[in-house]
Amino acid sequence: MCRYVLSKTKDLGGALHNAAVHGSQYVKFASHHKVGSLRISDHEGRAKYHYKWNLRADYDEISEERTDVTLRRYYPWSEVDQMIEDMHTAAGIRPGAEEYFGNQVGAPASIKLSNEEMRALQALKELHEALRALPPQHPHELQTYALKVHELKSMIALRHARKIDPALWPTYKKGKDGVWVIDNQQP
């Protein structure tokens, strides 16, 4: 069951975090913090842990439980596809979302991503997919790949923020003396 879930949640950065002695398997989602974690099992877990998603062989229907910490969702194995769909919804992923890079139709040209920025994002997406295709050699390798790609994506997002609000996110340029100064010529 875990292999199936991992194959359907690659875009969420799903990676097996732990496989317990009693048969439970634990999955973390590195690419989307909103998704949380998943426990796959056939028995009750420890009360002190609060897995947002629970796929249980011993359950017959979907149910929810709100704790002080989180909303916990329980799915029987027969509803695994519904759970995966709900995970994608929680992550904000919708069909075609992977093609969206922030250039809304009708947005002013001054705040749209440049062609170079769009190419860089596309290259990062391809890099991420290529890295995920490599067989892992360490339990945290896929998570590390996702974090590093997201760091690079954050740098491009900051370029976008500078276009939207240059007063808050100033752009710098190298002065004649070689010292970096705020570029007051930005719109």
N, C-alpha and C. Protein backbone atom coordinates (compact mmCIF):
# COMPACT_ATOMS: atom_id res chain seq x y z
N MET A 1 0.82 -1.19 0.00
CA MET A 1 0.00 0.00 0.00
C MET A 1 0.87 1.26 0.00
N CYS A 2 1.95 1.23 0.77
CA CYS A 2 2.83 2.39 0.86
C CYS A 2 3.43 2.74 -0.51
N ARG A 3 3.86 1.74 -1.25
CA ARG A 3 4.41 1.99 -2.59
C ARG A 3 3.39 2.69 -3.48
N TYR A 4 2.14 2.25 -3.40
CA TYR A 4 1.08 2.85 -4.21
C TYR A 4 0.91 4.32 -3.84
N VAL A 5 0.82 4.61 -2.55
CA VAL A 5 0.66 6.00 -2.10
C VAL A 5 1.84 6.85 -2.54
N LEU A 6 3.04 6.34 -2.38
CA LEU A 6 4.23 7.09 -2.79
C LEU A 6 4.22 7.36 -4.30
N SER A 7 3.77 6.40 -5.08
CA SER A 7 3.75 6.59 -6.53
C SER A 7 2.74 7.67 -6.94
N LYS A 8 1.68 7.84 -6.13
CA LYS A 8 0.63 8.82 -6.43
C LYS A 8 0.87 10.18 -5.78
N THR A 9 1.89 10.29 -4.95
CA THR A 9 2.16 11.55 -4.25
C THR A 9 3.56 12.08 -4.52
N LYS A 10 4.15 11.67 -5.63
CA LYS A 10 5.49 12.16 -5.97
C LYS A 10 5.52 13.68 -6.03
N ASP A 11 4.45 14.28 -6.58
CA ASP A 11 4.40 15.73 -6.71
C ASP A 11 4.30 16.44 -5.36
N LEU A 12 3.98 15.72 -4.31
CA LEU A 12 3.92 16.29 -2.97
C LEU A 12 5.23 16.04 -2.21
N GLY A 13 6.16 15.35 -2.84
CA GLY A 13 7.43 15.05 -2.18
C GLY A 13 7.31 13.92 -1.17
N GLY A 14 6.32 13.03 -1.37
CA GLY A 14 6.11 11.91 -0.45
C GLY A 14 7.32 11.00 -0.38
N ALA A 15 7.76 10.73 0.85
CA ALA A 15 8.91 9.84 1.05
C ALA A 15 8.68 9.03 2.33
N LEU A 16 9.02 7.77 2.28
CA LEU A 16 8.90 6.91 3.45
C LEU A 16 9.85 7.42 4.52
N HIS A 17 9.31 7.78 5.66
CA HIS A 17 10.11 8.33 6.75
C HIS A 17 10.55 7.23 7.72
N ASN A 18 9.65 6.26 7.94
CA ASN A 18 9.96 5.21 8.89
C ASN A 18 9.03 4.02 8.66
N ALA A 19 9.53 2.84 8.90
CA ALA A 19 8.72 1.62 8.89
C ALA A 19 8.91 0.96 10.25
N ALA A 20 7.85 0.94 11.05
CA ALA A 20 7.94 0.44 12.42
C ALA A 20 7.94 -1.08 12.47
N VAL A 21 8.38 -1.61 13.58
CA VAL A 21 8.46 -3.04 13.81
C VAL A 21 7.10 -3.71 13.70
N HIS A 22 6.04 -3.03 14.13
CA HIS A 22 4.69 -3.60 14.14
C HIS A 22 3.96 -3.44 12.82
N GLY A 23 4.65 -2.97 11.78
CA GLY A 23 4.06 -2.91 10.46
C GLY A 23 3.58 -1.54 10.00
N SER A 24 3.53 -0.56 10.88
CA SER A 24 3.12 0.77 10.47
C SER A 24 4.20 1.41 9.61
N GLN A 25 3.74 2.22 8.66
CA GLN A 25 4.66 2.95 7.79
C GLN A 25 4.30 4.42 7.88
N TYR A 26 5.33 5.26 7.86
CA TYR A 26 5.15 6.70 8.06
C TYR A 26 5.73 7.45 6.87
N VAL A 27 4.91 8.33 6.31
CA VAL A 27 5.30 9.07 5.12
C VAL A 27 5.28 10.56 5.44
N LYS A 28 6.32 11.26 5.02
CA LYS A 28 6.37 12.72 5.15
C LYS A 28 6.34 13.32 3.75
N PHE A 29 5.83 14.53 3.65
CA PHE A 29 5.68 15.20 2.37
C PHE A 29 6.52 16.47 2.37
N ALA A 30 7.70 16.37 1.78
CA ALA A 30 8.67 17.46 1.83
C ALA A 30 8.27 18.67 0.99
N SER A 31 7.57 18.45 -0.10
CA SER A 31 7.28 19.55 -1.01
C SER A 31 6.13 20.43 -0.56
N HIS A 32 5.29 19.94 0.30
CA HIS A 32 4.11 20.70 0.70
C HIS A 32 3.86 20.56 2.19
N HIS A 33 4.26 21.58 2.96
CA HIS A 33 4.11 21.52 4.41
C HIS A 33 2.65 21.45 4.84
N LYS A 34 1.72 21.93 4.01
CA LYS A 34 0.30 21.90 4.38
C LYS A 34 -0.24 20.47 4.44
N VAL A 35 0.41 19.56 3.75
CA VAL A 35 -0.08 18.18 3.71
C VAL A 35 0.15 17.48 5.04
N GLY A 36 1.27 17.73 5.67
CA GLY A 36 1.55 17.08 6.95
C GLY A 36 2.17 15.71 6.75
N SER A 37 1.75 14.74 7.56
CA SER A 37 2.34 13.40 7.50
C SER A 37 1.23 12.35 7.46
N LEU A 38 1.63 11.15 7.07
CA LEU A 38 0.70 10.05 6.88
C LEU A 38 1.18 8.82 7.64
N ARG A 39 0.24 8.15 8.29
CA ARG A 39 0.51 6.87 8.94
C ARG A 39 -0.33 5.81 8.24
N ILE A 40 0.32 4.75 7.77
CA ILE A 40 -0.36 3.62 7.13
C ILE A 40 -0.24 2.44 8.08
N SER A 41 -1.39 1.88 8.48
CA SER A 41 -1.32 0.82 9.48
C SER A 41 -2.59 -0.04 9.48
N ASP A 42 -2.57 -1.05 10.36
CA ASP A 42 -3.75 -1.89 10.55
C ASP A 42 -4.15 -1.94 12.03
N HIS A 43 -3.67 -0.95 12.81
CA HIS A 43 -3.96 -0.92 14.25
C HIS A 43 -3.86 0.52 14.78
N GLU A 44 -4.34 0.72 16.00
CA GLU A 44 -4.29 2.02 16.66
C GLU A 44 -2.83 2.45 16.85
N GLY A 45 -2.61 3.74 16.75
CA GLY A 45 -1.28 4.28 16.98
C GLY A 45 -1.16 4.86 18.38
N ARG A 46 -0.03 5.43 18.69
CA ARG A 46 0.20 6.04 19.99
C ARG A 46 -0.52 7.38 20.06
N ALA A 47 -1.14 7.64 21.17
CA ALA A 47 -1.95 8.86 21.34
C ALA A 47 -1.12 10.13 21.23
N LYS A 48 0.16 10.08 21.59
CA LYS A 48 0.96 11.30 21.60
C LYS A 48 1.31 11.80 20.20
N TYR A 49 1.15 10.95 19.18
CA TYR A 49 1.46 11.37 17.82
C TYR A 49 0.18 11.81 17.11
N HIS A 50 0.30 12.82 16.30
CA HIS A 50 -0.88 13.40 15.65
C HIS A 50 -0.67 13.45 14.14
N TYR A 51 -0.80 12.33 13.49
CA TYR A 51 -0.66 12.28 12.04
C TYR A 51 -1.93 12.84 11.40
N LYS A 52 -1.74 13.78 10.49
CA LYS A 52 -2.88 14.42 9.84
C LYS A 52 -3.66 13.42 8.99
N TRP A 53 -2.95 12.51 8.33
CA TRP A 53 -3.55 11.52 7.44
C TRP A 53 -3.28 10.13 8.00
N ASN A 54 -4.31 9.32 8.03
CA ASN A 54 -4.19 7.96 8.55
C ASN A 54 -4.91 7.01 7.60
N LEU A 55 -4.17 6.08 7.04
CA LEU A 55 -4.74 5.08 6.14
C LEU A 55 -4.74 3.77 6.91
N ARG A 56 -5.96 3.26 7.19
CA ARG A 56 -6.08 2.14 8.12
C ARG A 56 -6.77 0.95 7.47
N ALA A 57 -6.13 -0.20 7.57
CA ALA A 57 -6.71 -1.45 7.06
C ALA A 57 -7.90 -1.89 7.90
N ASP A 58 -7.95 -1.46 9.17
CA ASP A 58 -9.01 -1.89 10.07
C ASP A 58 -10.19 -0.91 10.12
N TYR A 59 -10.26 0.06 9.24
CA TYR A 59 -11.38 1.01 9.19
C TYR A 59 -12.29 0.68 8.01
N ASP A 60 -13.57 0.99 8.18
CA ASP A 60 -14.56 0.73 7.12
C ASP A 60 -15.04 1.99 6.42
N GLU A 61 -14.85 3.15 7.05
CA GLU A 61 -15.35 4.39 6.45
C GLU A 61 -14.44 5.56 6.80
N ILE A 62 -14.56 6.62 6.02
CA ILE A 62 -13.78 7.83 6.24
C ILE A 62 -14.31 8.54 7.48
N SER A 63 -13.39 9.01 8.32
CA SER A 63 -13.80 9.76 9.50
C SER A 63 -12.75 10.82 9.83
N GLU A 64 -13.14 11.75 10.70
CA GLU A 64 -12.24 12.83 11.12
C GLU A 64 -12.28 12.96 12.62
N GLU A 65 -11.18 13.47 13.18
CA GLU A 65 -11.10 13.72 14.61
C GLU A 65 -10.30 14.99 14.81
N ARG A 66 -10.89 15.97 15.49
CA ARG A 66 -10.18 17.21 15.77
C ARG A 66 -9.54 17.10 17.15
N THR A 67 -8.24 17.38 17.20
CA THR A 67 -7.53 17.42 18.47
C THR A 67 -7.09 18.86 18.71
N ASP A 68 -6.44 19.08 19.84
CA ASP A 68 -5.91 20.43 20.10
C ASP A 68 -4.83 20.79 19.09
N VAL A 69 -4.22 19.80 18.49
CA VAL A 69 -3.08 20.01 17.61
C VAL A 69 -3.47 20.07 16.14
N THR A 70 -4.35 19.20 15.71
CA THR A 70 -4.64 19.11 14.27
C THR A 70 -5.98 18.43 14.01
N LEU A 71 -6.40 18.52 12.77
CA LEU A 71 -7.54 17.74 12.30
C LEU A 71 -6.96 16.45 11.73
N ARG A 72 -7.33 15.32 12.32
CA ARG A 72 -6.81 14.03 11.87
C ARG A 72 -7.86 13.37 10.99
N ARG A 73 -7.42 12.87 9.85
CA ARG A 73 -8.34 12.22 8.91
C ARG A 73 -7.98 10.74 8.83
N TYR A 74 -9.02 9.90 8.82
CA TYR A 74 -8.85 8.45 8.77
C TYR A 74 -9.56 7.92 7.53
N TYR A 75 -8.86 7.07 6.78
CA TYR A 75 -9.41 6.49 5.56
C TYR A 75 -9.19 4.99 5.59
N PRO A 76 -10.21 4.23 5.19
CA PRO A 76 -9.98 2.79 5.01
C PRO A 76 -9.14 2.58 3.74
N TRP A 77 -8.49 1.46 3.65
CA TRP A 77 -7.65 1.19 2.47
C TRP A 77 -8.46 1.29 1.18
N SER A 78 -9.73 0.96 1.25
CA SER A 78 -10.57 1.01 0.05
C SER A 78 -10.77 2.44 -0.45
N GLU A 79 -10.45 3.44 0.36
CA GLU A 79 -10.63 4.85 0.00
C GLU A 79 -9.28 5.56 -0.20
N VAL A 80 -8.26 4.79 -0.53
CA VAL A 80 -6.92 5.38 -0.67
C VAL A 80 -6.89 6.46 -1.75
N ASP A 81 -7.60 6.27 -2.87
CA ASP A 81 -7.59 7.28 -3.92
C ASP A 81 -8.29 8.57 -3.48
N GLN A 82 -9.33 8.45 -2.68
CA GLN A 82 -9.99 9.64 -2.14
C GLN A 82 -9.04 10.39 -1.21
N MET A 83 -8.29 9.65 -0.40
CA MET A 83 -7.34 10.28 0.49
C MET A 83 -6.28 11.05 -0.30
N ILE A 84 -5.77 10.42 -1.35
CA ILE A 84 -4.74 11.06 -2.17
C ILE A 84 -5.29 12.33 -2.83
N GLU A 85 -6.52 12.26 -3.29
CA GLU A 85 -7.16 13.44 -3.87
C GLU A 85 -7.31 14.55 -2.81
N ASP A 86 -7.70 14.18 -1.60
CA ASP A 86 -7.85 15.15 -0.52
C ASP A 86 -6.50 15.76 -0.13
N MET A 87 -5.45 14.96 -0.19
CA MET A 87 -4.11 15.48 0.09
C MET A 87 -3.72 16.54 -0.93
N HIS A 88 -3.98 16.26 -2.19
CA HIS A 88 -3.67 17.23 -3.23
C HIS A 88 -4.48 18.51 -3.05
N THR A 89 -5.72 18.36 -2.65
CA THR A 89 -6.56 19.53 -2.38
C THR A 89 -5.97 20.35 -1.23
N ALA A 90 -5.55 19.67 -0.17
CA ALA A 90 -4.95 20.35 0.99
C ALA A 90 -3.67 21.09 0.60
N ALA A 91 -2.94 20.54 -0.36
CA ALA A 91 -1.70 21.17 -0.82
C ALA A 91 -1.96 22.31 -1.80
N GLY A 92 -3.22 22.44 -2.23
CA GLY A 92 -3.54 23.50 -3.19
C GLY A 92 -3.21 23.14 -4.61
N ILE A 93 -3.06 21.85 -4.89
CA ILE A 93 -2.73 21.41 -6.24
C ILE A 93 -4.02 21.08 -6.97
N ARG A 94 -4.14 21.62 -8.15
CA ARG A 94 -5.30 21.33 -8.98
C ARG A 94 -4.81 20.92 -10.36
N PRO A 95 -5.64 20.31 -11.18
CA PRO A 95 -5.20 19.90 -12.51
C PRO A 95 -4.62 21.08 -13.28
N GLY A 96 -3.43 20.87 -13.83
CA GLY A 96 -2.77 21.92 -14.60
C GLY A 96 -1.96 22.87 -13.75
N ALA A 97 -1.95 22.69 -12.41
CA ALA A 97 -1.25 23.62 -11.53
C ALA A 97 0.24 23.63 -11.80
N GLU A 98 0.79 22.50 -12.24
CA GLU A 98 2.23 22.46 -12.49
C GLU A 98 2.64 23.37 -13.65
N GLU A 99 1.68 23.81 -14.45
CA GLU A 99 1.98 24.69 -15.57
C GLU A 99 1.89 26.17 -15.18
N TYR A 100 1.46 26.47 -13.97
CA TYR A 100 1.25 27.84 -13.53
C TYR A 100 2.49 28.34 -12.82
N PHE A 101 3.04 29.45 -13.30
CA PHE A 101 4.24 30.00 -12.66
C PHE A 101 4.07 31.45 -12.26
N GLY A 102 2.85 31.91 -12.05
CA GLY A 102 2.66 33.24 -11.51
C GLY A 102 2.38 34.33 -12.51
N ASN A 103 2.21 34.05 -13.77
CA ASN A 103 1.91 35.09 -14.75
C ASN A 103 0.43 35.08 -15.07
N GLN A 104 -0.36 35.70 -14.20
CA GLN A 104 -1.79 35.72 -14.39
C GLN A 104 -2.16 36.49 -15.65
N VAL A 105 -3.20 36.02 -16.31
CA VAL A 105 -3.72 36.72 -17.48
C VAL A 105 -4.18 38.09 -17.03
N GLY A 106 -3.79 39.12 -17.74
CA GLY A 106 -4.20 40.47 -17.42
C GLY A 106 -3.31 41.18 -16.42
N ALA A 107 -2.30 40.49 -15.87
CA ALA A 107 -1.39 41.16 -14.94
C ALA A 107 -0.53 42.15 -15.71
N PRO A 108 -0.22 43.31 -15.11
CA PRO A 108 0.62 44.29 -15.79
C PRO A 108 1.97 43.69 -16.13
N ALA A 109 2.51 44.04 -17.29
CA ALA A 109 3.79 43.50 -17.74
C ALA A 109 4.90 43.79 -16.74
N SER A 110 4.81 44.91 -16.01
CA SER A 110 5.87 45.29 -15.07
C SER A 110 6.01 44.32 -13.91
N ILE A 111 4.97 43.54 -13.60
CA ILE A 111 5.09 42.60 -12.48
C ILE A 111 5.11 41.14 -12.93
N LYS A 112 4.97 40.89 -14.21
CA LYS A 112 5.04 39.50 -14.69
C LYS A 112 6.47 39.00 -14.60
N LEU A 113 6.60 37.69 -14.50
CA LEU A 113 7.93 37.09 -14.54
C LEU A 113 8.49 37.27 -15.94
N SER A 114 9.78 37.54 -16.02
CA SER A 114 10.43 37.66 -17.33
C SER A 114 10.54 36.28 -17.97
N ASN A 115 10.82 36.28 -19.25
CA ASN A 115 11.02 34.99 -19.95
C ASN A 115 12.17 34.22 -19.32
N GLU A 116 13.22 34.93 -18.90
CA GLU A 116 14.36 34.28 -18.27
C GLU A 116 13.96 33.65 -16.92
N GLU A 117 13.14 34.38 -16.14
CA GLU A 117 12.67 33.84 -14.86
C GLU A 117 11.77 32.63 -15.09
N MET A 118 10.92 32.70 -16.09
CA MET A 118 10.05 31.56 -16.42
C MET A 118 10.89 30.34 -16.82
N ARG A 119 11.93 30.58 -17.63
CA ARG A 119 12.82 29.47 -18.04
C ARG A 119 13.53 28.87 -16.83
N ALA A 120 13.96 29.75 -15.91
CA ALA A 120 14.64 29.27 -14.70
C ALA A 120 13.70 28.39 -13.87
N LEU A 121 12.44 28.81 -13.72
CA LEU A 121 11.47 28.00 -12.97
C LEU A 121 11.22 26.66 -13.66
N GLN A 122 11.11 26.70 -14.97
CA GLN A 122 10.91 25.45 -15.71
C GLN A 122 12.12 24.53 -15.54
N ALA A 123 13.32 25.11 -15.58
CA ALA A 123 14.53 24.31 -15.38
C ALA A 123 14.56 23.71 -13.98
N LEU A 124 14.11 24.47 -12.98
CA LEU A 124 14.06 23.94 -11.61
C LEU A 124 13.07 22.79 -11.50
N LYS A 125 11.94 22.93 -12.18
CA LYS A 125 10.95 21.85 -12.19
C LYS A 125 11.56 20.59 -12.81
N GLU A 126 12.25 20.76 -13.93
CA GLU A 126 12.88 19.62 -14.60
C GLU A 126 13.99 19.02 -13.74
N LEU A 127 14.76 19.89 -13.07
CA LEU A 127 15.81 19.40 -12.17
C LEU A 127 15.20 18.58 -11.05
N HIS A 128 14.14 19.09 -10.46
CA HIS A 128 13.47 18.37 -9.37
C HIS A 128 12.99 16.99 -9.83
N GLU A 129 12.38 16.94 -11.01
CA GLU A 129 11.90 15.66 -11.55
C GLU A 129 13.06 14.71 -11.83
N ALA A 130 14.15 15.25 -12.35
CA ALA A 130 15.33 14.40 -12.64
C ALA A 130 15.94 13.85 -11.35
N LEU A 131 16.02 14.69 -10.32
CA LEU A 131 16.58 14.24 -9.04
C LEU A 131 15.69 13.18 -8.40
N ARG A 132 14.37 13.36 -8.50
CA ARG A 132 13.44 12.38 -7.92
C ARG A 132 13.50 11.04 -8.65
N ALA A 133 13.94 11.06 -9.91
CA ALA A 133 14.03 9.82 -10.68
C ALA A 133 15.25 8.98 -10.27
N LEU A 134 16.21 9.61 -9.61
CA LEU A 134 17.40 8.86 -9.16
C LEU A 134 17.03 7.95 -8.00
N PRO A 135 17.56 6.74 -7.97
CA PRO A 135 17.27 5.87 -6.82
C PRO A 135 17.92 6.45 -5.56
N PRO A 136 17.14 6.65 -4.49
CA PRO A 136 17.69 7.24 -3.27
C PRO A 136 18.78 6.36 -2.66
N GLN A 137 19.78 7.04 -2.10
CA GLN A 137 20.85 6.35 -1.41
C GLN A 137 20.88 6.68 0.07
N HIS A 138 19.93 7.51 0.50
CA HIS A 138 19.84 7.94 1.89
C HIS A 138 18.37 8.24 2.19
N PRO A 139 17.90 7.96 3.40
CA PRO A 139 16.47 8.16 3.70
C PRO A 139 15.98 9.60 3.53
N HIS A 140 16.86 10.58 3.66
CA HIS A 140 16.44 11.97 3.57
C HIS A 140 16.80 12.63 2.24
N GLU A 141 17.29 11.86 1.31
CA GLU A 141 17.77 12.42 0.04
C GLU A 141 16.68 13.15 -0.73
N LEU A 142 15.51 12.54 -0.89
CA LEU A 142 14.44 13.18 -1.66
C LEU A 142 13.96 14.45 -0.98
N GLN A 143 13.89 14.42 0.33
CA GLN A 143 13.47 15.61 1.08
C GLN A 143 14.50 16.73 0.88
N THR A 144 15.78 16.39 0.91
CA THR A 144 16.83 17.39 0.72
C THR A 144 16.75 17.99 -0.68
N TYR A 145 16.54 17.15 -1.70
CA TYR A 145 16.38 17.66 -3.06
C TYR A 145 15.26 18.69 -3.11
N ALA A 146 14.11 18.33 -2.54
CA ALA A 146 12.96 19.23 -2.58
C ALA A 146 13.26 20.54 -1.87
N LEU A 147 13.90 20.48 -0.71
CA LEU A 147 14.21 21.71 0.03
C LEU A 147 15.15 22.62 -0.76
N LYS A 148 16.16 22.05 -1.38
CA LYS A 148 17.12 22.86 -2.15
C LYS A 148 16.45 23.49 -3.37
N VAL A 149 15.62 22.73 -4.07
CA VAL A 149 14.91 23.28 -5.23
C VAL A 149 13.99 24.41 -4.77
N HIS A 150 13.33 24.23 -3.62
CA HIS A 150 12.44 25.28 -3.11
C HIS A 150 13.21 26.52 -2.68
N GLU A 151 14.43 26.35 -2.18
CA GLU A 151 15.26 27.51 -1.85
C GLU A 151 15.53 28.33 -3.11
N LEU A 152 15.86 27.64 -4.19
CA LEU A 152 16.11 28.34 -5.45
C LEU A 152 14.84 29.01 -5.98
N LYS A 153 13.71 28.32 -5.86
CA LYS A 153 12.44 28.92 -6.29
C LYS A 153 12.13 30.16 -5.46
N SER A 154 12.49 30.16 -4.19
CA SER A 154 12.27 31.32 -3.33
C SER A 154 13.05 32.53 -3.81
N MET A 155 14.23 32.29 -4.35
CA MET A 155 15.03 33.40 -4.88
C MET A 155 14.32 34.04 -6.07
N ILE A 156 13.70 33.23 -6.91
CA ILE A 156 12.96 33.77 -8.06
C ILE A 156 11.69 34.47 -7.56
N ALA A 157 11.05 33.92 -6.53
CA ALA A 157 9.88 34.56 -5.96
C ALA A 157 10.23 35.94 -5.39
N LEU A 158 11.42 36.08 -4.81
CA LEU A 158 11.85 37.36 -4.29
C LEU A 158 12.03 38.37 -5.42
N ARG A 159 12.51 37.91 -6.57
CA ARG A 159 12.61 38.81 -7.74
C ARG A 159 11.22 39.32 -8.11
N HIS A 160 10.23 38.46 -8.03
CA HIS A 160 8.84 38.83 -8.32
C HIS A 160 8.34 39.84 -7.28
N ALA A 161 8.65 39.60 -6.01
CA ALA A 161 8.24 40.52 -4.93
C ALA A 161 8.85 41.90 -5.14
N ARG A 162 10.09 41.96 -5.62
CA ARG A 162 10.73 43.26 -5.88
C ARG A 162 10.00 44.06 -6.96
N LYS A 163 9.40 43.35 -7.91
CA LYS A 163 8.64 44.04 -8.96
C LYS A 163 7.32 44.57 -8.41
N ILE A 164 6.71 43.81 -7.52
CA ILE A 164 5.40 44.18 -6.99
C ILE A 164 5.51 45.32 -5.98
N ASP A 165 6.49 45.26 -5.09
CA ASP A 165 6.64 46.29 -4.06
C ASP A 165 8.12 46.63 -3.87
N PRO A 166 8.68 47.44 -4.78
CA PRO A 166 10.11 47.76 -4.69
C PRO A 166 10.50 48.54 -3.44
N ALA A 167 9.55 49.23 -2.82
CA ALA A 167 9.88 49.96 -1.58
C ALA A 167 10.16 48.98 -0.44
N LEU A 168 9.41 47.90 -0.41
CA LEU A 168 9.59 46.89 0.63
C LEU A 168 10.74 45.94 0.30
N TRP A 169 10.88 45.61 -0.98
CA TRP A 169 11.89 44.66 -1.43
C TRP A 169 12.80 45.36 -2.44
N PRO A 170 13.74 46.18 -1.98
CA PRO A 170 14.56 46.97 -2.91
C PRO A 170 15.48 46.10 -3.77
N THR A 171 15.79 46.66 -4.94
CA THR A 171 16.75 46.05 -5.86
C THR A 171 18.06 46.82 -5.71
N TYR A 172 19.17 46.11 -5.76
CA TYR A 172 20.48 46.74 -5.62
C TYR A 172 21.22 46.69 -6.94
N LYS A 173 22.15 47.61 -7.10
CA LYS A 173 23.04 47.59 -8.26
C LYS A 173 24.43 47.96 -7.76
N LYS A 174 25.42 47.58 -8.56
CA LYS A 174 26.80 47.88 -8.20
C LYS A 174 27.11 49.30 -8.66
N GLY A 175 27.56 50.12 -7.74
CA GLY A 175 27.92 51.50 -8.06
C GLY A 175 29.26 51.57 -8.79
N LYS A 176 29.62 52.79 -9.21
CA LYS A 176 30.89 52.99 -9.94
C LYS A 176 32.09 52.61 -9.11
N ASP A 177 31.97 52.75 -7.79
CA ASP A 177 33.08 52.40 -6.90
C ASP A 177 33.08 50.91 -6.52
N GLY A 178 32.15 50.14 -7.09
CA GLY A 178 32.09 48.71 -6.83
C GLY A 178 31.27 48.34 -5.61
N VAL A 179 30.67 49.33 -4.93
CA VAL A 179 29.86 49.08 -3.74
C VAL A 179 28.40 48.93 -4.17
N TRP A 180 27.72 47.96 -3.57
CA TRP A 180 26.29 47.72 -3.90
C TRP A 180 25.43 48.80 -3.21
N VAL A 181 24.53 49.40 -3.99
CA VAL A 181 23.63 50.43 -3.48
C VAL A 181 22.21 50.15 -3.96
N ILE A 182 21.22 50.72 -3.28
CA ILE A 182 19.83 50.55 -3.70
C ILE A 182 19.63 51.25 -5.04
N ASP A 183 18.98 50.55 -5.94
CA ASP A 183 18.71 51.08 -7.28
C ASP A 183 17.41 51.89 -7.22
N ASN A 184 17.53 53.22 -7.18
CA ASN A 184 16.35 54.09 -7.10
C ASN A 184 15.65 54.21 -8.43
N GLN A 185 16.16 53.62 -9.48
CA GLN A 185 15.55 53.72 -10.81
C GLN A 185 14.45 52.69 -11.01
N GLN A 186 14.27 51.82 -10.03
CA GLN A 186 13.22 50.79 -10.15
C GLN A 186 11.85 51.45 -10.11
N PRO A 187 10.88 50.93 -10.87
CA PRO A 187 9.54 51.54 -10.86
C PRO A 187 8.88 51.48 -9.50
